[in-house]
Amino acid sequence: MRDLAEAVGRYGIQRVIDLRDRAPLFKPASYQRIGVEFVRCPLSEHEPLPANILDVLDPNYITFVHCWKGSHRTGAFIGLYRRQCQGWSPDRIWDEMQAYGFGRPEDHMALYRSIFE
């Protein structure tokens, strides 16, 4: 929690979206103590992203999105955001996902298809 509190101060984070399909890393009260809103949005890394997944974003908040490693669910979530909200090309999205460790599409095909099909 100390690292997150430091990031909140440094980057002005106001909201945390947790994509983990297991228990959150910290109790919701811990997020309140450091002054951020906590949104739990459990996703499986083996299922497609829900069609309305980006509804949890609010442009009025500086948001930190995470899962367990930050490469599969988070990568797909951000990839979809880049495509739908920022108009990035598939090649540019894929390059960024690879830079952050998404790996081979066949290992996470449902997430991959959520963005590119």
PDB file of N, CA and C in Angstrom:
ATOM      1  N   MET A   1       0.833  -1.193   0.000  1.00  0.00           N
ATOM      2  CA  MET A   1       0.000   0.000   0.000  1.00  0.00           C
ATOM      3  C   MET A   1       0.874   1.251   0.000  1.00  0.00           C
ATOM      4  N   ARG A   2       2.065   1.158   0.576  1.00  0.00           N
ATOM      5  CA  ARG A   2       2.954   2.314   0.608  1.00  0.00           C
ATOM      6  C   ARG A   2       3.304   2.783  -0.807  1.00  0.00           C
ATOM      7  N   ASP A   3       3.577   1.842  -1.719  1.00  0.00           N
ATOM      8  CA  ASP A   3       3.900   2.208  -3.107  1.00  0.00           C
ATOM      9  C   ASP A   3       2.722   2.896  -3.793  1.00  0.00           C
ATOM     10  N   LEU A   4       1.517   2.389  -3.550  1.00  0.00           N
ATOM     11  CA  LEU A   4       0.337   3.000  -4.144  1.00  0.00           C
ATOM     12  C   LEU A   4       0.120   4.402  -3.575  1.00  0.00           C
ATOM     13  N   ALA A   5       0.284   4.551  -2.274  1.00  0.00           N
ATOM     14  CA  ALA A   5       0.122   5.876  -1.657  1.00  0.00           C
ATOM     15  C   ALA A   5       1.128   6.862  -2.239  1.00  0.00           C
ATOM     16  N   GLU A   6       2.338   6.400  -2.476  1.00  0.00           N
ATOM     17  CA  GLU A   6       3.356   7.260  -3.089  1.00  0.00           C
ATOM     18  C   GLU A   6       2.948   7.655  -4.512  1.00  0.00           C
ATOM     19  N   ALA A   7       2.432   6.692  -5.288  1.00  0.00           N
ATOM     20  CA  ALA A   7       1.991   6.978  -6.660  1.00  0.00           C
ATOM     21  C   ALA A   7       0.805   7.939  -6.662  1.00  0.00           C
ATOM     22  N   VAL A   8      -0.081   7.800  -5.691  1.00  0.00           N
ATOM     23  CA  VAL A   8      -1.228   8.706  -5.580  1.00  0.00           C
ATOM     24  C   VAL A   8      -0.725  10.135  -5.404  1.00  0.00           C
ATOM     25  N   GLY A   9       0.253  10.313  -4.535  1.00  0.00           N
ATOM     26  CA  GLY A   9       0.825  11.638  -4.322  1.00  0.00           C
ATOM     27  C   GLY A   9       1.573  12.159  -5.532  1.00  0.00           C
ATOM     28  N   ARG A  10       2.340  11.304  -6.168  1.00  0.00           N
ATOM     29  CA  ARG A  10       3.176  11.716  -7.298  1.00  0.00           C
ATOM     30  C   ARG A  10       2.364  12.017  -8.549  1.00  0.00           C
ATOM     31  N   TYR A  11       1.367  11.173  -8.858  1.00  0.00           N
ATOM     32  CA  TYR A  11       0.644  11.284 -10.125  1.00  0.00           C
ATOM     33  C   TYR A  11      -0.782  11.827  -9.984  1.00  0.00           C
ATOM     34  N   GLY A  12      -1.209  12.058  -8.781  1.00  0.00           N
ATOM     35  CA  GLY A  12      -2.549  12.590  -8.580  1.00  0.00           C
ATOM     36  C   GLY A  12      -3.657  11.582  -8.824  1.00  0.00           C
ATOM     37  N   ILE A  13      -3.378  10.297  -8.640  1.00  0.00           N
ATOM     38  CA  ILE A  13      -4.372   9.246  -8.864  1.00  0.00           C
ATOM     39  C   ILE A  13      -5.562   9.471  -7.935  1.00  0.00           C
ATOM     40  N   GLN A  14      -6.761   9.381  -8.519  1.00  0.00           N
ATOM     41  CA  GLN A  14      -7.985   9.588  -7.762  1.00  0.00           C
ATOM     42  C   GLN A  14      -8.853   8.333  -7.671  1.00  0.00           C
ATOM     43  N   ARG A  15      -8.610   7.389  -8.578  1.00  0.00           N
ATOM     44  CA  ARG A  15      -9.430   6.185  -8.627  1.00  0.00           C
ATOM     45  C   ARG A  15      -8.551   4.999  -8.999  1.00  0.00           C
ATOM     46  N   VAL A  16      -8.831   3.850  -8.373  1.00  0.00           N
ATOM     47  CA  VAL A  16      -8.144   2.604  -8.687  1.00  0.00           C
ATOM     48  C   VAL A  16      -9.185   1.615  -9.165  1.00  0.00           C
ATOM     49  N   ILE A  17      -8.938   1.028 -10.340  1.00  0.00           N
ATOM     50  CA  ILE A  17      -9.806  -0.032 -10.864  1.00  0.00           C
ATOM     51  C   ILE A  17      -9.026  -1.342 -10.774  1.00  0.00           C
ATOM     52  N   ASP A  18      -9.557  -2.268  -9.997  1.00  0.00           N
ATOM     53  CA  ASP A  18      -8.936  -3.575  -9.771  1.00  0.00           C
ATOM     54  C   ASP A  18      -9.647  -4.601 -10.650  1.00  0.00           C
ATOM     55  N   LEU A  19      -8.917  -5.190 -11.604  1.00  0.00           N
ATOM     56  CA  LEU A  19      -9.488  -6.163 -12.542  1.00  0.00           C
ATOM     57  C   LEU A  19      -9.292  -7.613 -12.100  1.00  0.00           C
ATOM     58  N   ARG A  20      -8.668  -7.813 -10.963  1.00  0.00           N
ATOM     59  CA  ARG A  20      -8.392  -9.185 -10.499  1.00  0.00           C
ATOM     60  C   ARG A  20      -9.690  -9.955 -10.273  1.00  0.00           C
ATOM     61  N   ASP A  21      -9.681 -11.249 -10.619  1.00  0.00           N
ATOM     62  CA  ASP A  21     -10.877 -12.055 -10.403  1.00  0.00           C
ATOM     63  C   ASP A  21     -10.846 -12.738  -9.038  1.00  0.00           C
ATOM     64  N   ARG A  22      -9.826 -12.466  -8.269  1.00  0.00           N
ATOM     65  CA  ARG A  22      -9.734 -12.963  -6.887  1.00  0.00           C
ATOM     66  C   ARG A  22      -9.897 -11.770  -5.950  1.00  0.00           C
ATOM     67  N   ALA A  23      -9.661 -12.006  -4.688  1.00  0.00           N
ATOM     68  CA  ALA A  23      -9.806 -10.932  -3.696  1.00  0.00           C
ATOM     69  C   ALA A  23      -8.921  -9.744  -4.063  1.00  0.00           C
ATOM     70  N   PRO A  24      -9.389  -8.531  -3.766  1.00  0.00           N
ATOM     71  CA  PRO A  24      -8.558  -7.351  -4.057  1.00  0.00           C
ATOM     72  C   PRO A  24      -7.262  -7.389  -3.253  1.00  0.00           C
ATOM     73  N   LEU A  25      -6.256  -6.679  -3.735  1.00  0.00           N
ATOM     74  CA  LEU A  25      -4.975  -6.642  -3.041  1.00  0.00           C
ATOM     75  C   LEU A  25      -5.101  -6.033  -1.652  1.00  0.00           C
ATOM     76  N   PHE A  26      -5.929  -5.005  -1.537  1.00  0.00           N
ATOM     77  CA  PHE A  26      -6.106  -4.310  -0.262  1.00  0.00           C
ATOM     78  C   PHE A  26      -7.592  -4.174   0.030  1.00  0.00           C
ATOM     79  N   LYS A  27      -7.933  -3.996   1.280  1.00  0.00           N
ATOM     80  CA  LYS A  27      -9.324  -3.774   1.669  1.00  0.00           C
ATOM     81  C   LYS A  27      -9.773  -2.406   1.176  1.00  0.00           C
ATOM     82  N   PRO A  28     -11.049  -2.282   0.788  1.00  0.00           N
ATOM     83  CA  PRO A  28     -11.542  -0.980   0.314  1.00  0.00           C
ATOM     84  C   PRO A  28     -11.240   0.178   1.277  1.00  0.00           C
ATOM     85  N   ALA A  29     -11.267  -0.069   2.565  1.00  0.00           N
ATOM     86  CA  ALA A  29     -10.975   0.993   3.539  1.00  0.00           C
ATOM     87  C   ALA A  29      -9.537   1.509   3.393  1.00  0.00           C
ATOM     88  N   SER A  30      -8.640   0.657   2.942  1.00  0.00           N
ATOM     89  CA  SER A  30      -7.247   1.081   2.737  1.00  0.00           C
ATOM     90  C   SER A  30      -7.154   2.129   1.636  1.00  0.00           C
ATOM     91  N   TYR A  31      -7.959   1.965   0.606  1.00  0.00           N
ATOM     92  CA  TYR A  31      -7.978   2.952  -0.481  1.00  0.00           C
ATOM     93  C   TYR A  31      -8.551   4.275   0.024  1.00  0.00           C
ATOM     94  N   GLN A  32      -9.589   4.185   0.833  1.00  0.00           N
ATOM     95  CA  GLN A  32     -10.183   5.401   1.404  1.00  0.00           C
ATOM     96  C   GLN A  32      -9.156   6.167   2.224  1.00  0.00           C
ATOM     97  N   ARG A  33      -8.343   5.443   2.998  1.00  0.00           N
ATOM     98  CA  ARG A  33      -7.344   6.096   3.853  1.00  0.00           C
ATOM     99  C   ARG A  33      -6.340   6.918   3.063  1.00  0.00           C
ATOM    100  N   ILE A  34      -6.059   6.499   1.837  1.00  0.00           N
ATOM    101  CA  ILE A  34      -5.097   7.276   1.036  1.00  0.00           C
ATOM    102  C   ILE A  34      -5.797   8.220   0.065  1.00  0.00           C
ATOM    103  N   GLY A  35      -7.124   8.292   0.174  1.00  0.00           N
ATOM    104  CA  GLY A  35      -7.874   9.291  -0.569  1.00  0.00           C
ATOM    105  C   GLY A  35      -8.214   8.958  -2.003  1.00  0.00           C
ATOM    106  N   VAL A  36      -8.355   7.660  -2.320  1.00  0.00           N
ATOM    107  CA  VAL A  36      -8.739   7.284  -3.679  1.00  0.00           C
ATOM    108  C   VAL A  36     -10.023   6.456  -3.659  1.00  0.00           C
ATOM    109  N   GLU A  37     -10.771   6.584  -4.734  1.00  0.00           N
ATOM    110  CA  GLU A  37     -11.961   5.762  -4.916  1.00  0.00           C
ATOM    111  C   GLU A  37     -11.519   4.396  -5.418  1.00  0.00           C
ATOM    112  N   PHE A  38     -12.133   3.346  -4.914  1.00  0.00           N
ATOM    113  CA  PHE A  38     -11.800   1.981  -5.306  1.00  0.00           C
ATOM    114  C   PHE A  38     -12.957   1.382  -6.087  1.00  0.00           C
ATOM    115  N   VAL A  39     -12.661   0.855  -7.284  1.00  0.00           N
ATOM    116  CA  VAL A  39     -13.671   0.210  -8.124  1.00  0.00           C
ATOM    117  C   VAL A  39     -13.199  -1.213  -8.392  1.00  0.00           C
ATOM    118  N   ARG A  40     -14.009  -2.160  -7.999  1.00  0.00           N
ATOM    119  CA  ARG A  40     -13.689  -3.570  -8.251  1.00  0.00           C
ATOM    120  C   ARG A  40     -14.444  -4.007  -9.490  1.00  0.00           C
ATOM    121  N   CYS A  41     -13.705  -4.566 -10.448  1.00  0.00           N
ATOM    122  CA  CYS A  41     -14.283  -4.984 -11.717  1.00  0.00           C
ATOM    123  C   CYS A  41     -13.628  -6.318 -12.106  1.00  0.00           C
ATOM    124  N   PRO A  42     -13.998  -7.411 -11.442  1.00  0.00           N
ATOM    125  CA  PRO A  42     -13.306  -8.681 -11.668  1.00  0.00           C
ATOM    126  C   PRO A  42     -13.480  -9.223 -13.083  1.00  0.00           C
ATOM    127  N   LEU A  43     -12.344  -9.551 -13.695  1.00  0.00           N
ATOM    128  CA  LEU A  43     -12.322 -10.137 -15.037  1.00  0.00           C
ATOM    129  C   LEU A  43     -11.503 -11.419 -15.015  1.00  0.00           C
ATOM    130  N   SER A  44     -11.869 -12.342 -15.868  1.00  0.00           N
ATOM    131  CA  SER A  44     -11.061 -13.543 -16.071  1.00  0.00           C
ATOM    132  C   SER A  44     -10.088 -13.266 -17.213  1.00  0.00           C
ATOM    133  N   GLU A  45      -8.885 -13.794 -17.078  1.00  0.00           N
ATOM    134  CA  GLU A  45      -7.945 -13.618 -18.186  1.00  0.00           C
ATOM    135  C   GLU A  45      -8.198 -14.606 -19.319  1.00  0.00           C
ATOM    136  N   HIS A  46      -9.219 -15.462 -19.163  1.00  0.00           N
ATOM    137  CA  HIS A  46      -9.531 -16.466 -20.179  1.00  0.00           C
ATOM    138  C   HIS A  46     -10.897 -16.259 -20.821  1.00  0.00           C
ATOM    139  N   GLU A  47     -11.522 -15.118 -20.560  1.00  0.00           N
ATOM    140  CA  GLU A  47     -12.824 -14.807 -21.147  1.00  0.00           C
ATOM    141  C   GLU A  47     -12.750 -13.451 -21.840  1.00  0.00           C
ATOM    142  N   PRO A  48     -13.631 -13.214 -22.811  1.00  0.00           N
ATOM    143  CA  PRO A  48     -13.624 -11.905 -23.487  1.00  0.00           C
ATOM    144  C   PRO A  48     -13.971 -10.786 -22.509  1.00  0.00           C
ATOM    145  N   LEU A  49     -13.507  -9.600 -22.838  1.00  0.00           N
ATOM    146  CA  LEU A  49     -13.898  -8.432 -22.052  1.00  0.00           C
ATOM    147  C   LEU A  49     -15.384  -8.168 -22.252  1.00  0.00           C
ATOM    148  N   PRO A  50     -16.119  -7.834 -21.199  1.00  0.00           N
ATOM    149  CA  PRO A  50     -17.534  -7.486 -21.384  1.00  0.00           C
ATOM    150  C   PRO A  50     -17.664  -6.271 -22.301  1.00  0.00           C
ATOM    151  N   ALA A  51     -18.727  -6.225 -23.072  1.00  0.00           N
ATOM    152  CA  ALA A  51     -18.925  -5.135 -24.039  1.00  0.00           C
ATOM    153  C   ALA A  51     -18.937  -3.764 -23.375  1.00  0.00           C
ATOM    154  N   ASN A  52     -19.383  -3.694 -22.140  1.00  0.00           N
ATOM    155  CA  ASN A  52     -19.494  -2.408 -21.447  1.00  0.00           C
ATOM    156  C   ASN A  52     -18.350  -2.148 -20.471  1.00  0.00           C
ATOM    157  N   ILE A  53     -17.263  -2.850 -20.603  1.00  0.00           N
ATOM    158  CA  ILE A  53     -16.174  -2.760 -19.629  1.00  0.00           C
ATOM    159  C   ILE A  53     -15.642  -1.338 -19.453  1.00  0.00           C
ATOM    160  N   LEU A  54     -15.606  -0.561 -20.500  1.00  0.00           N
ATOM    161  CA  LEU A  54     -15.054   0.789 -20.384  1.00  0.00           C
ATOM    162  C   LEU A  54     -15.987   1.749 -19.649  1.00  0.00           C
ATOM    163  N   ASP A  55     -17.192   1.290 -19.320  1.00  0.00           N
ATOM    164  CA  ASP A  55     -18.120   2.128 -18.558  1.00  0.00           C
ATOM    165  C   ASP A  55     -17.594   2.459 -17.166  1.00  0.00           C
ATOM    166  N   VAL A  56     -16.649   1.670 -16.656  1.00  0.00           N
ATOM    167  CA  VAL A  56     -16.095   1.948 -15.324  1.00  0.00           C
ATOM    168  C   VAL A  56     -15.151   3.146 -15.326  1.00  0.00           C
ATOM    169  N   LEU A  57     -14.750   3.589 -16.516  1.00  0.00           N
ATOM    170  CA  LEU A  57     -13.867   4.757 -16.610  1.00  0.00           C
ATOM    171  C   LEU A  57     -14.679   6.045 -16.498  1.00  0.00           C
ATOM    172  N   ASP A  58     -14.087   7.038 -15.912  1.00  0.00           N
ATOM    173  CA  ASP A  58     -14.705   8.355 -15.799  1.00  0.00           C
ATOM    174  C   ASP A  58     -13.625   9.372 -16.148  1.00  0.00           C
ATOM    175  N   PRO A  59     -13.826  10.159 -17.204  1.00  0.00           N
ATOM    176  CA  PRO A  59     -12.788  11.113 -17.620  1.00  0.00           C
ATOM    177  C   PRO A  59     -12.490  12.189 -16.579  1.00  0.00           C
ATOM    178  N   ASN A  60     -13.322  12.277 -15.550  1.00  0.00           N
ATOM    179  CA  ASN A  60     -13.088  13.271 -14.507  1.00  0.00           C
ATOM    180  C   ASN A  60     -12.114  12.800 -13.435  1.00  0.00           C
ATOM    181  N   TYR A  61     -11.665  11.536 -13.533  1.00  0.00           N
ATOM    182  CA  TYR A  61     -10.749  10.967 -12.549  1.00  0.00           C
ATOM    183  C   TYR A  61      -9.441  10.535 -13.201  1.00  0.00           C
ATOM    184  N   ILE A  62      -8.348  10.789 -12.519  1.00  0.00           N
ATOM    185  CA  ILE A  62      -7.068  10.193 -12.908  1.00  0.00           C
ATOM    186  C   ILE A  62      -7.097   8.786 -12.339  1.00  0.00           C
ATOM    187  N   THR A  63      -7.008   7.787 -13.221  1.00  0.00           N
ATOM    188  CA  THR A  63      -7.298   6.407 -12.847  1.00  0.00           C
ATOM    189  C   THR A  63      -6.088   5.505 -13.029  1.00  0.00           C
ATOM    190  N   PHE A  64      -5.898   4.619 -12.069  1.00  0.00           N
ATOM    191  CA  PHE A  64      -4.886   3.570 -12.114  1.00  0.00           C
ATOM    192  C   PHE A  64      -5.621   2.246 -12.271  1.00  0.00           C
ATOM    193  N   VAL A  65      -5.295   1.487 -13.320  1.00  0.00           N
ATOM    194  CA  VAL A  65      -5.935   0.204 -13.598  1.00  0.00           C
ATOM    195  C   VAL A  65      -4.911  -0.894 -13.363  1.00  0.00           C
ATOM    196  N   HIS A  66      -5.322  -1.958 -12.661  1.00  0.00           N
ATOM    197  CA  HIS A  66      -4.379  -3.064 -12.439  1.00  0.00           C
ATOM    198  C   HIS A  66      -5.099  -4.400 -12.320  1.00  0.00           C
ATOM    199  N   CYS A  67      -4.337  -5.453 -12.522  1.00  0.00           N
ATOM    200  CA  CYS A  67      -4.790  -6.812 -12.241  1.00  0.00           C
ATOM    201  C   CYS A  67      -3.699  -7.462 -11.396  1.00  0.00           C
ATOM    202  N   TRP A  68      -3.244  -8.637 -11.773  1.00  0.00           N
ATOM    203  CA  TRP A  68      -2.191  -9.283 -10.977  1.00  0.00           C
ATOM    204  C   TRP A  68      -0.807  -8.882 -11.482  1.00  0.00           C
ATOM    205  N   LYS A  69      -0.540  -9.100 -12.770  1.00  0.00           N
ATOM    206  CA  LYS A  69       0.767  -8.761 -13.341  1.00  0.00           C
ATOM    207  C   LYS A  69       0.728  -7.485 -14.166  1.00  0.00           C
ATOM    208  N   GLY A  70      -0.454  -7.078 -14.588  1.00  0.00           N
ATOM    209  CA  GLY A  70      -0.566  -5.866 -15.384  1.00  0.00           C
ATOM    210  C   GLY A  70      -0.288  -6.066 -16.864  1.00  0.00           C
ATOM    211  N   SER A  71      -0.298  -7.319 -17.313  1.00  0.00           N
ATOM    212  CA  SER A  71       0.045  -7.557 -18.715  1.00  0.00           C
ATOM    213  C   SER A  71      -1.093  -8.146 -19.541  1.00  0.00           C
ATOM    214  N   HIS A  72      -2.004  -8.867 -18.946  1.00  0.00           N
ATOM    215  CA  HIS A  72      -3.046  -9.521 -19.736  1.00  0.00           C
ATOM    216  C   HIS A  72      -4.390  -8.801 -19.616  1.00  0.00           C
ATOM    217  N   ARG A  73      -5.030  -8.887 -18.460  1.00  0.00           N
ATOM    218  CA  ARG A  73      -6.309  -8.186 -18.293  1.00  0.00           C
ATOM    219  C   ARG A  73      -6.126  -6.675 -18.415  1.00  0.00           C
ATOM    220  N   THR A  74      -5.126  -6.151 -17.735  1.00  0.00           N
ATOM    221  CA  THR A  74      -4.876  -4.705 -17.822  1.00  0.00           C
ATOM    222  C   THR A  74      -4.485  -4.323 -19.241  1.00  0.00           C
ATOM    223  N   GLY A  75      -3.638  -5.132 -19.872  1.00  0.00           N
ATOM    224  CA  GLY A  75      -3.224  -4.848 -21.244  1.00  0.00           C
ATOM    225  C   GLY A  75      -4.393  -4.832 -22.204  1.00  0.00           C
ATOM    226  N   ALA A  76      -5.318  -5.792 -22.039  1.00  0.00           N
ATOM    227  CA  ALA A  76      -6.491  -5.841 -22.907  1.00  0.00           C
ATOM    228  C   ALA A  76      -7.416  -4.653 -22.623  1.00  0.00           C
ATOM    229  N   PHE A  77      -7.612  -4.336 -21.364  1.00  0.00           N
ATOM    230  CA  PHE A  77      -8.460  -3.210 -20.978  1.00  0.00           C
ATOM    231  C   PHE A  77      -7.926  -1.913 -21.578  1.00  0.00           C
ATOM    232  N   ILE A  78      -6.641  -1.672 -21.415  1.00  0.00           N
ATOM    233  CA  ILE A  78      -6.033  -0.449 -21.949  1.00  0.00           C
ATOM    234  C   ILE A  78      -6.022  -0.490 -23.479  1.00  0.00           C
ATOM    235  N   GLY A  79      -5.779  -1.669 -24.060  1.00  0.00           N
ATOM    236  CA  GLY A  79      -5.815  -1.797 -25.516  1.00  0.00           C
ATOM    237  C   GLY A  79      -7.181  -1.431 -26.084  1.00  0.00           C
ATOM    238  N   LEU A  80      -8.232  -1.905 -25.420  1.00  0.00           N
ATOM    239  CA  LEU A  80      -9.581  -1.563 -25.861  1.00  0.00           C
ATOM    240  C   LEU A  80      -9.835  -0.061 -25.715  1.00  0.00           C
ATOM    241  N   TYR A  81      -9.365   0.513 -24.617  1.00  0.00           N
ATOM    242  CA  TYR A  81      -9.487   1.965 -24.421  1.00  0.00           C
ATOM    243  C   TYR A  81      -8.756   2.722 -25.528  1.00  0.00           C
ATOM    244  N   ARG A  82      -7.535   2.280 -25.835  1.00  0.00           N
ATOM    245  CA  ARG A  82      -6.765   2.939 -26.902  1.00  0.00           C
ATOM    246  C   ARG A  82      -7.531   2.892 -28.226  1.00  0.00           C
ATOM    247  N   ARG A  83      -8.149   1.750 -28.515  1.00  0.00           N
ATOM    248  CA  ARG A  83      -8.877   1.599 -29.780  1.00  0.00           C
ATOM    249  C   ARG A  83     -10.159   2.427 -29.804  1.00  0.00           C
ATOM    250  N   GLN A  84     -10.987   2.264 -28.785  1.00  0.00           N
ATOM    251  CA  GLN A  84     -12.314   2.882 -28.806  1.00  0.00           C
ATOM    252  C   GLN A  84     -12.311   4.363 -28.443  1.00  0.00           C
ATOM    253  N   CYS A  85     -11.421   4.776 -27.577  1.00  0.00           N
ATOM    254  CA  CYS A  85     -11.457   6.155 -27.080  1.00  0.00           C
ATOM    255  C   CYS A  85     -10.366   7.050 -27.658  1.00  0.00           C
ATOM    256  N   GLN A  86      -9.251   6.442 -28.033  1.00  0.00           N
ATOM    257  CA  GLN A  86      -8.141   7.243 -28.534  1.00  0.00           C
ATOM    258  C   GLN A  86      -7.845   7.029 -30.010  1.00  0.00           C
ATOM    259  N   GLY A  87      -8.534   6.082 -30.626  1.00  0.00           N
ATOM    260  CA  GLY A  87      -8.388   5.871 -32.060  1.00  0.00           C
ATOM    261  C   GLY A  87      -7.052   5.304 -32.508  1.00  0.00           C
ATOM    262  N   TRP A  88      -6.371   4.588 -31.614  1.00  0.00           N
ATOM    263  CA  TRP A  88      -5.087   3.990 -31.988  1.00  0.00           C
ATOM    264  C   TRP A  88      -5.295   2.888 -33.023  1.00  0.00           C
ATOM    265  N   SER A  89      -4.296   2.683 -33.871  1.00  0.00           N
ATOM    266  CA  SER A  89      -4.329   1.600 -34.848  1.00  0.00           C
ATOM    267  C   SER A  89      -4.061   0.266 -34.151  1.00  0.00           C
ATOM    268  N   PRO A  90      -4.536  -0.840 -34.730  1.00  0.00           N
ATOM    269  CA  PRO A  90      -4.249  -2.153 -34.149  1.00  0.00           C
ATOM    270  C   PRO A  90      -2.747  -2.415 -33.987  1.00  0.00           C
ATOM    271  N   ASP A  91      -1.944  -2.010 -34.964  1.00  0.00           N
ATOM    272  CA  ASP A  91      -0.502  -2.241 -34.860  1.00  0.00           C
ATOM    273  C   ASP A  91       0.101  -1.494 -33.677  1.00  0.00           C
ATOM    274  N   ARG A  92      -0.315  -0.266 -33.481  1.00  0.00           N
ATOM    275  CA  ARG A  92       0.213   0.526 -32.368  1.00  0.00           C
ATOM    276  C   ARG A  92      -0.225  -0.068 -31.023  1.00  0.00           C
ATOM    277  N   ILE A  93      -1.481  -0.499 -30.949  1.00  0.00           N
ATOM    278  CA  ILE A  93      -1.977  -1.137 -29.728  1.00  0.00           C
ATOM    279  C   ILE A  93      -1.184  -2.402 -29.443  1.00  0.00           C
ATOM    280  N   TRP A  94      -1.010  -3.241 -30.461  1.00  0.00           N
ATOM    281  CA  TRP A  94      -0.299  -4.507 -30.278  1.00  0.00           C
ATOM    282  C   TRP A  94       1.142  -4.252 -29.840  1.00  0.00           C
ATOM    283  N   ASP A  95       1.807  -3.275 -30.427  1.00  0.00           N
ATOM    284  CA  ASP A  95       3.183  -2.949 -30.027  1.00  0.00           C
ATOM    285  C   ASP A  95       3.246  -2.578 -28.548  1.00  0.00           C
ATOM    286  N   GLU A  96       2.279  -1.765 -28.096  1.00  0.00           N
ATOM    287  CA  GLU A  96       2.274  -1.386 -26.681  1.00  0.00           C
ATOM    288  C   GLU A  96       1.999  -2.601 -25.794  1.00  0.00           C
ATOM    289  N   MET A  97       1.043  -3.427 -26.183  1.00  0.00           N
ATOM    290  CA  MET A  97       0.738  -4.615 -25.390  1.00  0.00           C
ATOM    291  C   MET A  97       1.948  -5.529 -25.289  1.00  0.00           C
ATOM    292  N   GLN A  98       2.673  -5.689 -26.371  1.00  0.00           N
ATOM    293  CA  GLN A  98       3.879  -6.522 -26.349  1.00  0.00           C
ATOM    294  C   GLN A  98       4.969  -5.908 -25.464  1.00  0.00           C
ATOM    295  N   ALA A  99       5.097  -4.596 -25.510  1.00  0.00           N
ATOM    296  CA  ALA A  99       6.106  -3.908 -24.687  1.00  0.00           C
ATOM    297  C   ALA A  99       5.850  -4.133 -23.198  1.00  0.00           C
ATOM    298  N   TYR A 100       4.580  -4.349 -22.828  1.00  0.00           N
ATOM    299  CA  TYR A 100       4.238  -4.569 -21.427  1.00  0.00           C
ATOM    300  C   TYR A 100       3.983  -6.039 -21.095  1.00  0.00           C
ATOM    301  N   GLY A 101       4.366  -6.942 -22.004  1.00  0.00           N
ATOM    302  CA  GLY A 101       4.392  -8.360 -21.680  1.00  0.00           C
ATOM    303  C   GLY A 101       3.146  -9.175 -21.954  1.00  0.00           C
ATOM    304  N   PHE A 102       2.284  -8.734 -22.860  1.00  0.00           N
ATOM    305  CA  PHE A 102       1.075  -9.510 -23.145  1.00  0.00           C
ATOM    306  C   PHE A 102       1.409 -10.913 -23.654  1.00  0.00           C
ATOM    307  N   GLY A 103       2.419 -11.037 -24.467  1.00  0.00           N
ATOM    308  CA  GLY A 103       2.817 -12.354 -24.962  1.00  0.00           C
ATOM    309  C   GLY A 103       2.075 -12.772 -26.213  1.00  0.00           C
ATOM    310  N   ARG A 104       1.986 -14.099 -26.414  1.00  0.00           N
ATOM    311  CA  ARG A 104       1.375 -14.653 -27.625  1.00  0.00           C
ATOM    312  C   ARG A 104      -0.147 -14.574 -27.562  1.00  0.00           C
ATOM    313  N   PRO A 105      -0.785 -14.185 -28.662  1.00  0.00           N
ATOM    314  CA  PRO A 105      -2.257 -14.093 -28.667  1.00  0.00           C
ATOM    315  C   PRO A 105      -2.929 -15.403 -28.268  1.00  0.00           C
ATOM    316  N   GLU A 106      -2.403 -16.529 -28.724  1.00  0.00           N
ATOM    317  CA  GLU A 106      -3.052 -17.811 -28.441  1.00  0.00           C
ATOM    318  C   GLU A 106      -3.072 -18.166 -26.957  1.00  0.00           C
ATOM    319  N   ASP A 107      -2.222 -17.533 -26.150  1.00  0.00           N
ATOM    320  CA  ASP A 107      -2.235 -17.789 -24.710  1.00  0.00           C
ATOM    321  C   ASP A 107      -3.370 -17.058 -24.000  1.00  0.00           C
ATOM    322  N   HIS A 108      -3.900 -16.024 -24.625  1.00  0.00           N
ATOM    323  CA  HIS A 108      -4.995 -15.236 -24.049  1.00  0.00           C
ATOM    324  C   HIS A 108      -5.932 -14.804 -25.183  1.00  0.00           C
ATOM    325  N   MET A 109      -6.371 -15.794 -25.953  1.00  0.00           N
ATOM    326  CA  MET A 109      -7.121 -15.536 -27.170  1.00  0.00           C
ATOM    327  C   MET A 109      -8.404 -14.746 -26.930  1.00  0.00           C
ATOM    328  N   ALA A 110      -9.122 -15.039 -25.863  1.00  0.00           N
ATOM    329  CA  ALA A 110     -10.386 -14.331 -25.617  1.00  0.00           C
ATOM    330  C   ALA A 110     -10.127 -12.840 -25.396  1.00  0.00           C
ATOM    331  N   LEU A 111      -9.099 -12.501 -24.643  1.00  0.00           N
ATOM    332  CA  LEU A 111      -8.767 -11.078 -24.436  1.00  0.00           C
ATOM    333  C   LEU A 111      -8.306 -10.446 -25.743  1.00  0.00           C
ATOM    334  N   TYR A 112      -7.459 -11.162 -26.472  1.00  0.00           N
ATOM    335  CA  TYR A 112      -6.949 -10.668 -27.740  1.00  0.00           C
ATOM    336  C   TYR A 112      -8.098 -10.344 -28.703  1.00  0.00           C
ATOM    337  N   ARG A 113      -9.043 -11.263 -28.807  1.00  0.00           N
ATOM    338  CA  ARG A 113     -10.178 -11.068 -29.725  1.00  0.00           C
ATOM    339  C   ARG A 113     -11.069  -9.899 -29.286  1.00  0.00           C
ATOM    340  N   SER A 114     -11.121  -9.624 -27.988  1.00  0.00           N
ATOM    341  CA  SER A 114     -11.918  -8.510 -27.487  1.00  0.00           C
ATOM    342  C   SER A 114     -11.459  -7.182 -28.073  1.00  0.00           C
ATOM    343  N   ILE A 115     -10.219  -7.113 -28.447  1.00  0.00           N
ATOM    344  CA  ILE A 115      -9.657  -5.863 -28.970  1.00  0.00           C
ATOM    345  C   ILE A 115      -9.576  -5.866 -30.483  1.00  0.00           C
ATOM    346  N   PHE A 116      -9.131  -6.962 -31.049  1.00  0.00           N
ATOM    347  CA  PHE A 116      -8.744  -6.985 -32.451  1.00  0.00           C
ATOM    348  C   PHE A 116      -9.771  -7.618 -33.385  1.00  0.00           C
ATOM    349  N   GLU A 117     -10.873  -8.126 -32.899  1.00  0.00           N
ATOM    350  CA  GLU A 117     -11.887  -8.722 -33.779  1.00  0.00           C
ATOM    351  C   GLU A 117     -13.225  -8.066 -33.595  1.00  0.00           C
TER     352      GLU A 117
END
